[in-house]
Amino acid sequence: MPSHHPIPGLNDAEIKALTDLYTTAAERIREMVLRPTGKTDPAREWNRGRASQQIEQVDQVLIALGKRTGTWVGKAVPEAMVRGLEVANKQAVAAGVAIPGDAMRGSFAMVNHGAAKIFARDIAGDLGKARGAMRDRADRLLRATSQHSLTESKINTILAGGILEGTPRQTIRQLREEFRAVSGDTISINDREYPVGHYAELVARTRTAEASIMAQHDRLSELDIDLVVVMEQSDACDVCAAFRGQVFSLSGKSDKYPAYDSLPDGGLPFHPHCRGATGAFIEALATEKQLKDAVGPPDVKKLLGTQDEKGRWHNKSQTDALKIARDLQIRQQMGGQATSKAHKAKAEPAQRAEAKAQDVRETTPRPAVSRPKAQEYWAKQEARSVREGQREVATDLRRYQRKVEELRAKLQQKMGPSVESLQRKLATAEQGQAELAAKRAASQRRLEDLRRRLKK
């Protein structure tokens, strides 16, 4: 498959709108913490009494940030999901599926609003961790500034590595780490330091990509397209590269291809800032090379998860999958190059030129599949779907018939106050039986019509 593809989620301008909110808030808090007002002793004494007021000011900044974040998330998640729907529609049309013009564009009405709420809640929760970390650090430093009567010059001394007379070295060391973190607009999340803007961008890109891909896959399933191919950039990490061009089943019912849910971490994105995507895959319309790549090397199966008796998946984490991919040298099995710095340093110019030429070949558009072939394929698919629908209708019809007989028997046994209730149930069952019979007749007519079209 081509290595060049639209990256799921939102565009750079939409992501920047969120990161600007967090970097601006971090700058305002930094000014409060690193530049305390008051140069005279009476002023500093008064400022010591203002520590709680300053903390309230920080809280106000973060409350306003939280409201703006909620507004951004409320718009961003549905927008990302709509784009996923549009991607699925375009891929289906390219495979020969006819989609009405209105449905082709995608709309908020088509979005799974329950899933959108879950994604919005997760994004808000992750960004809430950033606001909480900013608040905790500002609180500690404002109280320390008040407790130790720190002026701006003393804070600068601490940042420069100096010491303050009468203040323990351990305290100075702790304050220096905290002040430098605030000075660099960084926060601590799960014992790891992140620049505030970088963390907000990481959450926004990764989470909206998840929402977009989920909406895309739901739409493909609605259109009876079960197989998807993983598309990764040519400079992807070893885990992403290991699955490039391979095909997975969204339903997990394929006998030939593994379930999409077996991928590391349950599927794309594999890691923060992952640029991977998926495309609709139709075996009957694929080239020989695509069919060969669809299976992948044997060792790649060791990166996939397993399913227990209750149907729950136990997936590899991205970290574990990365280690396995490197240990097994899966990239080399696929004809690629190792990504270690030592290998890259020793790479010959001819190898780099060949890799560039391969990228050019992969991004060159392939000839479109002939429409008659695609139409024939989808006509057969539709006929099969109609036959399956007929079997389901017949099963339902037999079930309703049994139910009608059971209700009639109960009606004969109970000639009391419950007779009217049983009669209503009987009428409902008979109505359902009639509707199913009508559906069965309609599907039979549709099947005969499709047979006539195939013969032509």
Protein backbone atom coordinates (compact mmCIF):
# COMPACT_ATOMS: atom_id res chain seq x y z
CA MET A 1 0.00 0.00 0.00
CA PRO A 2 1.21 3.58 -0.43
CA SER A 3 3.26 4.95 2.43
CA HIS A 4 1.81 8.42 2.04
CA HIS A 5 -1.60 8.76 3.66
CA PRO A 6 -3.68 11.26 5.62
CA ILE A 7 -2.79 11.10 9.31
CA PRO A 8 -5.89 10.34 11.45
CA GLY A 9 -7.18 13.01 13.83
CA LEU A 10 -7.03 16.79 13.60
CA ASN A 11 -4.76 19.09 11.60
CA ASP A 12 -1.86 21.15 13.01
CA ALA A 13 -3.88 24.38 13.33
CA GLU A 14 -6.57 22.67 15.43
CA ILE A 15 -3.96 21.04 17.69
CA LYS A 16 -2.10 24.35 18.07
CA ALA A 17 -5.27 26.03 19.33
CA LEU A 18 -5.18 23.69 22.34
CA THR A 19 -1.43 23.82 22.96
CA ASP A 20 -1.55 27.64 22.92
CA LEU A 21 -4.11 27.55 25.74
CA TYR A 22 -1.77 25.49 27.93
CA THR A 23 1.46 27.33 27.12
CA THR A 24 -0.23 30.70 27.79
CA ALA A 25 -1.56 29.48 31.16
CA ALA A 26 1.89 28.10 32.05
CA GLU A 27 3.49 31.46 31.21
CA ARG A 28 1.05 33.32 33.45
CA ILE A 29 1.73 30.96 36.36
CA ARG A 30 5.47 31.25 35.74
CA GLU A 31 5.25 35.05 36.11
CA MET A 32 3.41 34.68 39.41
CA VAL A 33 5.92 32.17 40.81
CA LEU A 34 9.27 33.52 39.56
CA ARG A 35 8.62 37.26 40.00
CA PRO A 36 7.16 37.87 43.46
CA THR A 37 6.33 41.54 44.08
CA GLY A 38 7.76 43.63 46.93
CA LYS A 39 11.34 44.71 47.58
CA THR A 40 11.12 46.18 51.11
CA ASP A 41 10.75 44.14 54.29
CA PRO A 42 7.22 45.45 55.06
CA ALA A 43 6.17 44.63 51.49
CA ARG A 44 7.61 41.14 51.74
CA GLU A 45 5.88 40.63 55.09
CA TRP A 46 2.61 41.62 53.45
CA ASN A 47 3.31 39.28 50.54
CA ARG A 48 3.83 36.39 52.94
CA GLY A 49 0.24 36.89 54.00
CA ARG A 50 -0.83 36.88 50.34
CA ALA A 51 0.33 33.31 49.59
CA SER A 52 -3.19 31.95 49.78
CA GLN A 53 -4.45 34.80 47.57
CA GLN A 54 -1.81 34.05 44.96
CA ILE A 55 -2.79 30.39 45.00
CA GLU A 56 -6.38 31.46 44.40
CA GLN A 57 -5.18 33.48 41.39
CA VAL A 58 -3.46 30.34 40.05
CA ASP A 59 -6.70 28.43 40.59
CA GLN A 60 -8.62 31.03 38.61
CA VAL A 61 -6.16 30.72 35.72
CA LEU A 62 -6.54 26.94 35.76
CA ILE A 63 -10.34 27.07 36.09
CA ALA A 64 -10.50 29.31 33.01
CA LEU A 65 -8.13 26.91 31.25
CA GLY A 66 -10.40 23.99 32.16
CA LYS A 67 -13.45 25.72 30.65
CA ARG A 68 -11.61 26.53 27.42
CA THR A 69 -10.35 22.94 27.30
CA GLY A 70 -13.91 21.65 27.62
CA THR A 71 -15.01 23.85 24.72
CA TRP A 72 -12.12 22.63 22.55
CA VAL A 73 -12.72 18.96 23.39
CA GLY A 74 -16.47 19.29 22.73
CA LYS A 75 -15.75 20.41 19.18
CA ALA A 76 -12.59 18.42 18.45
CA VAL A 77 -13.80 14.88 19.20
CA PRO A 78 -16.90 14.93 16.93
CA GLU A 79 -14.85 16.65 14.21
CA ALA A 80 -12.19 13.92 14.38
CA MET A 81 -14.87 11.23 14.17
CA VAL A 82 -16.56 12.92 11.19
CA ARG A 83 -13.21 12.89 9.39
CA GLY A 84 -12.88 9.19 10.15
CA LEU A 85 -16.31 8.62 8.56
CA GLU A 86 -15.27 10.60 5.48
CA VAL A 87 -12.05 8.59 5.13
CA ALA A 88 -14.03 5.33 5.33
CA ASN A 89 -16.51 6.55 2.70
CA LYS A 90 -13.73 7.54 0.30
CA GLN A 91 -11.97 4.19 0.76
CA ALA A 92 -15.24 2.33 0.18
CA VAL A 93 -15.97 4.30 -3.00
CA ALA A 94 -12.46 3.54 -4.26
CA ALA A 95 -13.27 -0.15 -3.74
CA GLY A 96 -16.46 0.15 -5.78
CA VAL A 97 -19.11 0.62 -3.06
CA ALA A 98 -21.87 3.03 -4.07
CA ILE A 99 -22.59 5.61 -1.31
CA PRO A 100 -25.24 8.37 -1.54
CA GLY A 101 -23.86 11.90 -1.83
CA ASP A 102 -25.13 13.07 1.59
CA ALA A 103 -23.66 10.06 3.38
CA MET A 104 -20.41 10.47 1.46
CA ARG A 105 -19.61 13.78 3.15
CA GLY A 106 -20.18 12.46 6.66
CA SER A 107 -22.00 14.46 9.33
CA PHE A 108 -22.30 14.86 13.08
CA ALA A 109 -25.62 12.94 12.90
CA MET A 110 -23.66 9.83 11.84
CA VAL A 111 -21.26 10.05 14.79
CA ASN A 112 -21.54 7.48 17.60
CA HIS A 113 -22.33 9.98 20.35
CA GLY A 114 -21.81 7.47 23.15
CA ALA A 115 -18.27 6.77 21.94
CA ALA A 116 -17.68 10.51 21.43
CA LYS A 117 -18.56 11.15 25.08
CA ILE A 118 -16.11 8.46 26.22
CA PHE A 119 -13.28 9.91 24.11
CA ALA A 120 -14.10 13.44 25.30
CA ARG A 121 -14.05 12.28 28.91
CA ASP A 122 -10.68 10.52 28.43
CA ILE A 123 -9.11 13.57 26.76
CA ALA A 124 -10.47 15.88 29.45
CA GLY A 125 -9.11 13.53 32.11
CA ASP A 126 -5.62 13.43 30.59
CA LEU A 127 -5.51 17.21 30.21
CA GLY A 128 -6.87 17.56 33.73
CA LYS A 129 -3.71 15.78 34.93
CA ALA A 130 -1.68 18.59 33.34
CA ARG A 131 -3.70 21.28 35.12
CA GLY A 132 -3.40 19.37 38.39
CA ALA A 133 0.38 19.10 38.02
CA MET A 134 0.65 22.83 37.24
CA ARG A 135 -1.44 23.67 40.30
CA ASP A 136 0.47 21.39 42.69
CA ARG A 137 3.85 22.74 41.63
CA ALA A 138 2.71 26.37 41.80
CA ASP A 139 1.19 25.75 45.24
CA ARG A 140 4.43 24.29 46.61
CA LEU A 141 6.56 27.09 45.21
CA LEU A 142 4.29 29.94 46.29
CA ARG A 143 4.21 28.56 49.82
CA ALA A 144 8.01 28.07 49.77
CA THR A 145 8.48 31.63 48.46
CA SER A 146 6.37 32.93 51.34
CA GLN A 147 8.01 30.69 53.96
CA HIS A 148 11.60 31.57 52.99
CA SER A 149 10.89 35.25 52.08
CA LEU A 150 12.27 34.71 48.59
CA THR A 151 12.58 37.76 46.35
CA GLU A 152 13.06 37.65 42.58
CA SER A 153 16.84 38.09 43.03
CA LYS A 154 16.99 35.16 45.47
CA ILE A 155 15.00 32.97 43.08
CA ASN A 156 17.44 33.87 40.30
CA THR A 157 20.32 32.92 42.63
CA ILE A 158 18.74 29.52 43.23
CA LEU A 159 18.17 28.99 39.50
CA ALA A 160 21.80 29.87 38.80
CA GLY A 161 23.01 27.19 41.20
CA GLY A 162 23.81 29.43 44.15
CA ILE A 163 22.94 28.99 47.81
CA LEU A 164 21.16 31.17 50.35
CA GLU A 165 22.51 31.83 53.80
CA GLY A 166 20.45 30.15 56.48
CA THR A 167 18.64 27.81 54.06
CA PRO A 168 19.55 24.07 54.09
CA ARG A 169 21.23 22.77 50.94
CA GLN A 170 18.66 20.01 50.53
CA THR A 171 15.88 22.61 50.54
CA ILE A 172 17.79 24.71 48.00
CA ARG A 173 18.22 21.64 45.77
CA GLN A 174 14.53 20.82 45.85
CA LEU A 175 13.55 24.44 45.20
CA ARG A 176 16.01 24.67 42.31
CA GLU A 177 14.46 21.62 40.60
CA GLU A 178 10.96 23.02 41.08
CA PHE A 179 11.84 26.55 39.95
CA ARG A 180 13.66 25.26 36.87
CA ALA A 181 10.63 23.15 35.98
CA VAL A 182 8.37 26.20 36.22
CA SER A 183 10.92 28.30 34.32
CA GLY A 184 10.88 25.74 31.48
CA ASP A 185 7.07 25.39 31.60
CA THR A 186 7.30 21.67 32.36
CA ILE A 187 5.00 19.42 34.38
CA SER A 188 5.41 16.03 36.01
CA ILE A 189 3.03 13.30 34.79
CA ASN A 190 3.55 9.74 36.09
CA ASP A 191 7.06 10.67 37.32
CA ARG A 192 8.07 11.99 33.91
CA GLU A 193 8.69 15.62 32.97
CA TYR A 194 6.89 17.05 29.94
CA PRO A 195 6.81 20.57 28.49
CA VAL A 196 3.24 21.72 29.03
CA GLY A 197 2.55 22.44 25.36
CA HIS A 198 4.14 19.14 24.26
CA TYR A 199 1.99 17.14 26.69
CA ALA A 200 -1.21 18.88 25.53
CA GLU A 201 -0.26 18.20 21.89
CA LEU A 202 0.58 14.56 22.67
CA VAL A 203 -2.82 13.98 24.29
CA ALA A 204 -4.74 15.83 21.58
CA ARG A 205 -3.07 14.10 18.62
CA THR A 206 -3.15 10.60 20.06
CA ARG A 207 -6.69 10.67 21.44
CA THR A 208 -8.31 12.33 18.42
CA ALA A 209 -6.49 9.84 16.16
CA GLU A 210 -8.06 7.02 18.22
CA ALA A 211 -11.51 8.58 17.80
CA SER A 212 -11.02 9.07 14.06
CA ILE A 213 -9.83 5.50 13.46
CA MET A 214 -12.66 4.02 15.55
CA ALA A 215 -15.28 5.98 13.56
CA GLN A 216 -13.60 4.91 10.30
CA HIS A 217 -13.68 1.24 11.25
CA ASP A 218 -17.30 1.39 12.44
CA ARG A 219 -18.30 2.91 9.11
CA LEU A 220 -16.36 0.29 7.11
CA SER A 221 -18.11 -2.45 9.10
CA GLU A 222 -21.49 -0.86 8.29
CA LEU A 223 -20.54 -1.08 4.60
CA ASP A 224 -19.66 -4.82 4.98
CA ILE A 225 -15.91 -4.19 4.59
CA ASP A 226 -14.22 -6.34 7.22
CA LEU A 227 -10.56 -6.26 6.15
CA VAL A 228 -8.21 -3.30 6.67
CA VAL A 229 -4.57 -2.86 5.74
CA VAL A 230 -2.10 -1.05 8.01
CA MET A 231 -0.40 1.93 6.36
CA GLU A 232 2.72 3.42 7.98
CA GLN A 233 5.18 6.15 7.04
CA SER A 234 8.51 4.99 5.59
CA ASP A 235 10.39 6.36 8.64
CA ALA A 236 8.14 4.60 11.19
CA CYS A 237 9.49 2.89 14.32
CA ASP A 238 10.15 -0.87 14.31
CA VAL A 239 6.69 -1.77 15.69
CA CYS A 240 4.83 0.39 13.18
CA ALA A 241 7.03 -0.80 10.31
CA ALA A 242 6.48 -4.45 11.31
CA PHE A 243 2.79 -4.21 10.39
CA ARG A 244 3.09 -2.07 7.25
CA GLY A 245 1.03 -3.57 4.43
CA GLN A 246 -0.48 -6.32 6.60
CA VAL A 247 -4.19 -7.03 6.68
CA PHE A 248 -6.41 -7.54 9.73
CA SER A 249 -10.06 -8.43 10.29
CA LEU A 250 -12.21 -5.86 12.11
CA SER A 251 -14.69 -8.54 13.22
CA GLY A 252 -12.00 -11.10 14.02
CA LYS A 253 -13.94 -13.73 12.04
CA SER A 254 -11.50 -14.12 9.15
CA ASP A 255 -9.87 -17.54 8.79
CA LYS A 256 -6.94 -16.07 6.85
CA TYR A 257 -6.13 -12.78 8.61
CA PRO A 258 -5.69 -12.07 12.35
CA ALA A 259 -8.12 -9.92 14.32
CA TYR A 260 -7.45 -6.18 14.37
CA ASP A 261 -7.99 -6.23 18.15
CA SER A 262 -4.92 -8.48 18.52
CA LEU A 263 -2.55 -5.65 17.56
CA PRO A 264 -0.33 -4.08 20.28
CA ASP A 265 -2.39 -1.91 22.65
CA GLY A 266 -5.53 -3.01 20.76
CA GLY A 267 -4.68 -1.26 17.49
CA LEU A 268 -3.64 2.10 16.09
CA PRO A 269 -2.29 4.46 17.22
CA PHE A 270 0.48 2.23 18.56
CA HIS A 271 2.17 5.01 20.53
CA PRO A 272 1.95 8.79 21.16
CA HIS A 273 2.32 10.82 17.94
CA CYS A 274 1.83 7.62 15.89
CA ARG A 275 1.24 8.50 12.23
CA GLY A 276 -0.15 5.15 11.19
CA ALA A 277 -3.51 4.67 9.49
CA THR A 278 -5.60 1.90 7.96
CA GLY A 279 -7.25 1.45 4.58
CA ALA A 280 -10.07 -0.72 3.28
CA PHE A 281 -8.74 -3.97 1.78
CA ILE A 282 -10.59 -6.06 -0.81
CA GLU A 283 -8.77 -9.27 -1.76
CA ALA A 284 -10.48 -9.53 -5.14
CA LEU A 285 -9.21 -6.08 -6.10
CA ALA A 286 -5.67 -6.32 -4.64
CA THR A 287 -2.44 -6.65 -6.61
CA GLU A 288 -0.08 -9.62 -6.22
CA LYS A 289 2.34 -7.54 -4.13
CA GLN A 290 -0.47 -6.35 -1.84
CA LEU A 291 -1.65 -9.93 -1.32
CA LYS A 292 1.92 -11.00 -0.51
CA ASP A 293 2.43 -8.13 1.98
CA ALA A 294 -1.00 -8.79 3.53
CA VAL A 295 0.26 -11.87 5.39
CA GLY A 296 3.60 -10.48 6.62
CA PRO A 297 6.65 -12.40 7.88
CA PRO A 298 6.04 -15.38 10.22
CA ASP A 299 7.68 -13.75 13.26
CA VAL A 300 5.27 -10.82 13.23
CA LYS A 301 2.65 -13.08 14.85
CA LYS A 302 4.73 -12.96 18.04
CA LEU A 303 3.81 -9.27 18.37
CA LEU A 304 0.08 -10.04 18.45
CA GLY A 305 -2.05 -10.60 21.53
CA THR A 306 -4.01 -13.68 22.57
CA GLN A 307 -7.69 -14.15 23.38
CA ASP A 308 -8.88 -16.05 26.46
CA GLU A 309 -11.91 -18.31 26.82
CA LYS A 310 -14.16 -15.35 27.71
CA GLY A 311 -13.19 -13.51 24.52
CA ARG A 312 -10.99 -10.92 26.26
CA TRP A 313 -7.82 -9.84 24.48
CA HIS A 314 -4.45 -9.81 26.24
CA ASN A 315 -2.41 -7.47 24.06
CA LYS A 316 1.27 -6.68 24.01
CA SER A 317 2.16 -3.16 25.11
CA GLN A 318 3.94 -0.92 22.64
CA THR A 319 7.12 -1.21 24.75
CA ASP A 320 7.04 -5.04 24.79
CA ALA A 321 6.20 -5.19 21.08
CA LEU A 322 9.09 -2.85 20.26
CA LYS A 323 11.56 -5.07 22.13
CA ILE A 324 10.27 -8.22 20.40
CA ALA A 325 10.39 -6.54 16.98
CA ARG A 326 14.01 -5.51 17.48
CA ASP A 327 15.07 -8.86 18.93
CA LEU A 328 13.54 -10.74 15.98
CA GLN A 329 14.74 -8.15 13.45
CA ILE A 330 11.31 -8.09 11.82
CA ARG A 331 12.12 -4.96 9.84
CA GLN A 332 15.00 -6.80 8.18
CA GLN A 333 12.70 -9.77 7.44
CA MET A 334 10.47 -7.36 5.53
CA GLY A 335 13.40 -6.15 3.46
CA GLY A 336 13.85 -2.90 5.39
CA GLN A 337 16.81 -1.45 7.26
CA ALA A 338 17.54 -1.45 10.98
CA THR A 339 16.87 1.79 12.79
CA SER A 340 19.85 1.81 15.17
CA LYS A 341 22.09 4.87 15.08
CA ALA A 342 25.15 2.71 14.45
CA HIS A 343 23.57 1.12 11.39
CA LYS A 344 22.42 4.47 10.02
CA ALA A 345 25.91 5.91 10.46
CA LYS A 346 27.38 3.08 8.37
CA ALA A 347 24.72 3.17 5.67
CA GLU A 348 26.12 3.55 2.17
CA PRO A 349 24.90 6.40 -0.08
CA ALA A 350 23.61 3.82 -2.56
CA GLN A 351 21.40 2.26 0.13
CA ARG A 352 19.95 5.65 1.06
CA ALA A 353 19.30 6.41 -2.61
CA GLU A 354 17.51 3.08 -3.03
CA ALA A 355 15.35 3.76 0.05
CA LYS A 356 14.41 7.15 -1.39
CA ALA A 357 13.59 5.59 -4.74
CA GLN A 358 11.42 3.00 -2.99
CA ASP A 359 9.49 5.78 -1.24
CA VAL A 360 8.90 7.42 -4.61
CA ARG A 361 7.64 4.13 -6.07
CA GLU A 362 5.33 3.55 -3.11
CA THR A 363 3.82 7.04 -3.27
CA THR A 364 3.23 6.88 -7.03
CA PRO A 365 -0.53 6.41 -7.63
CA ARG A 366 -1.46 2.99 -8.97
CA PRO A 367 -3.89 2.53 -11.87
CA ALA A 368 -7.49 2.49 -10.69
CA VAL A 369 -9.24 -0.88 -10.54
CA SER A 370 -11.60 -1.40 -13.47
CA ARG A 371 -15.18 -0.48 -12.57
CA PRO A 372 -16.75 -3.61 -14.12
CA LYS A 373 -14.57 -5.85 -11.97
CA ALA A 374 -15.44 -3.89 -8.83
CA GLN A 375 -19.15 -3.87 -9.68
CA GLU A 376 -19.15 -7.61 -10.26
CA TYR A 377 -17.42 -8.20 -6.92
CA TRP A 378 -19.87 -6.05 -4.98
CA ALA A 379 -22.87 -7.52 -6.77
CA LYS A 380 -21.76 -10.97 -5.57
CA GLN A 381 -21.19 -9.60 -2.07
CA GLU A 382 -24.67 -8.09 -2.03
CA ALA A 383 -26.20 -11.35 -3.24
CA ARG A 384 -24.46 -13.24 -0.46
CA SER A 385 -25.68 -10.65 2.05
CA VAL A 386 -29.25 -11.07 0.78
CA ARG A 387 -29.04 -14.86 1.15
CA GLU A 388 -27.74 -14.51 4.70
CA GLY A 389 -30.58 -12.08 5.42
CA GLN A 390 -33.08 -14.61 4.09
CA ARG A 391 -31.74 -17.29 6.41
CA GLU A 392 -31.98 -14.92 9.36
CA VAL A 393 -35.56 -13.96 8.45
CA ALA A 394 -36.52 -17.63 8.13
CA THR A 395 -35.04 -18.36 11.56
CA ASP A 396 -36.87 -15.41 13.10
CA LEU A 397 -40.09 -16.47 11.39
CA ARG A 398 -39.89 -19.97 12.86
CA ARG A 399 -39.17 -18.48 16.29
CA TYR A 400 -42.24 -16.23 16.07
CA GLN A 401 -44.37 -19.16 14.93
CA ARG A 402 -43.31 -21.16 17.99
CA LYS A 403 -44.05 -18.14 20.16
CA VAL A 404 -47.53 -17.79 18.65
CA GLU A 405 -48.28 -21.45 19.34
CA GLU A 406 -47.04 -21.13 22.94
CA LEU A 407 -49.24 -18.08 23.51
CA ARG A 408 -52.26 -19.82 22.06
CA ALA A 409 -51.69 -22.75 24.40
CA LYS A 410 -51.42 -20.41 27.38
CA LEU A 411 -54.56 -18.59 26.28
CA GLN A 412 -56.49 -21.85 26.31
CA GLN A 413 -55.17 -22.77 29.76
CA LYS A 414 -55.77 -19.38 31.38
CA MET A 415 -59.26 -18.06 30.83
CA GLY A 416 -59.00 -15.49 33.60
CA PRO A 417 -58.01 -11.82 34.10
CA SER A 418 -54.85 -12.34 32.00
CA VAL A 419 -56.75 -13.26 28.85
CA GLU A 420 -56.70 -9.71 27.46
CA SER A 421 -52.95 -9.40 28.07
CA LEU A 422 -52.27 -12.68 26.32
CA GLN A 423 -54.47 -11.66 23.42
CA ARG A 424 -52.47 -8.44 22.97
CA LYS A 425 -49.24 -10.41 23.00
CA LEU A 426 -50.72 -12.80 20.49
CA ALA A 427 -51.73 -9.95 18.18
CA THR A 428 -48.23 -8.45 18.45
CA ALA A 429 -46.61 -11.79 17.65
CA GLU A 430 -48.86 -12.34 14.65
CA GLN A 431 -48.08 -8.83 13.39
CA GLY A 432 -44.35 -9.54 13.70
CA GLN A 433 -44.85 -12.79 11.85
CA ALA A 434 -46.60 -10.98 9.00
CA GLU A 435 -43.88 -8.32 8.78
CA LEU A 436 -41.13 -10.96 8.64
CA ALA A 437 -43.00 -12.81 5.91
CA ALA A 438 -43.17 -9.56 3.91
CA LYS A 439 -39.44 -8.99 4.41
CA ARG A 440 -38.71 -12.51 3.27
CA ALA A 441 -40.70 -11.97 0.08
CA ALA A 442 -38.95 -8.65 -0.59
CA SER A 443 -35.50 -10.17 -0.09
CA GLN A 444 -36.41 -13.03 -2.45
CA ARG A 445 -37.38 -10.54 -5.14
CA ARG A 446 -34.13 -8.64 -4.57
CA LEU A 447 -32.08 -11.85 -4.87
CA GLU A 448 -33.75 -12.76 -8.16
CA ASP A 449 -33.06 -9.26 -9.47
CA LEU A 450 -29.38 -9.59 -8.56
CA ARG A 451 -29.17 -12.97 -10.29
CA ARG A 452 -30.57 -11.44 -13.47
CA ARG A 453 -27.99 -8.62 -13.26
CA LEU A 454 -25.12 -11.10 -12.82
CA LYS A 455 -26.24 -13.12 -15.85
CA LYS A 456 -26.16 -9.95 -17.98
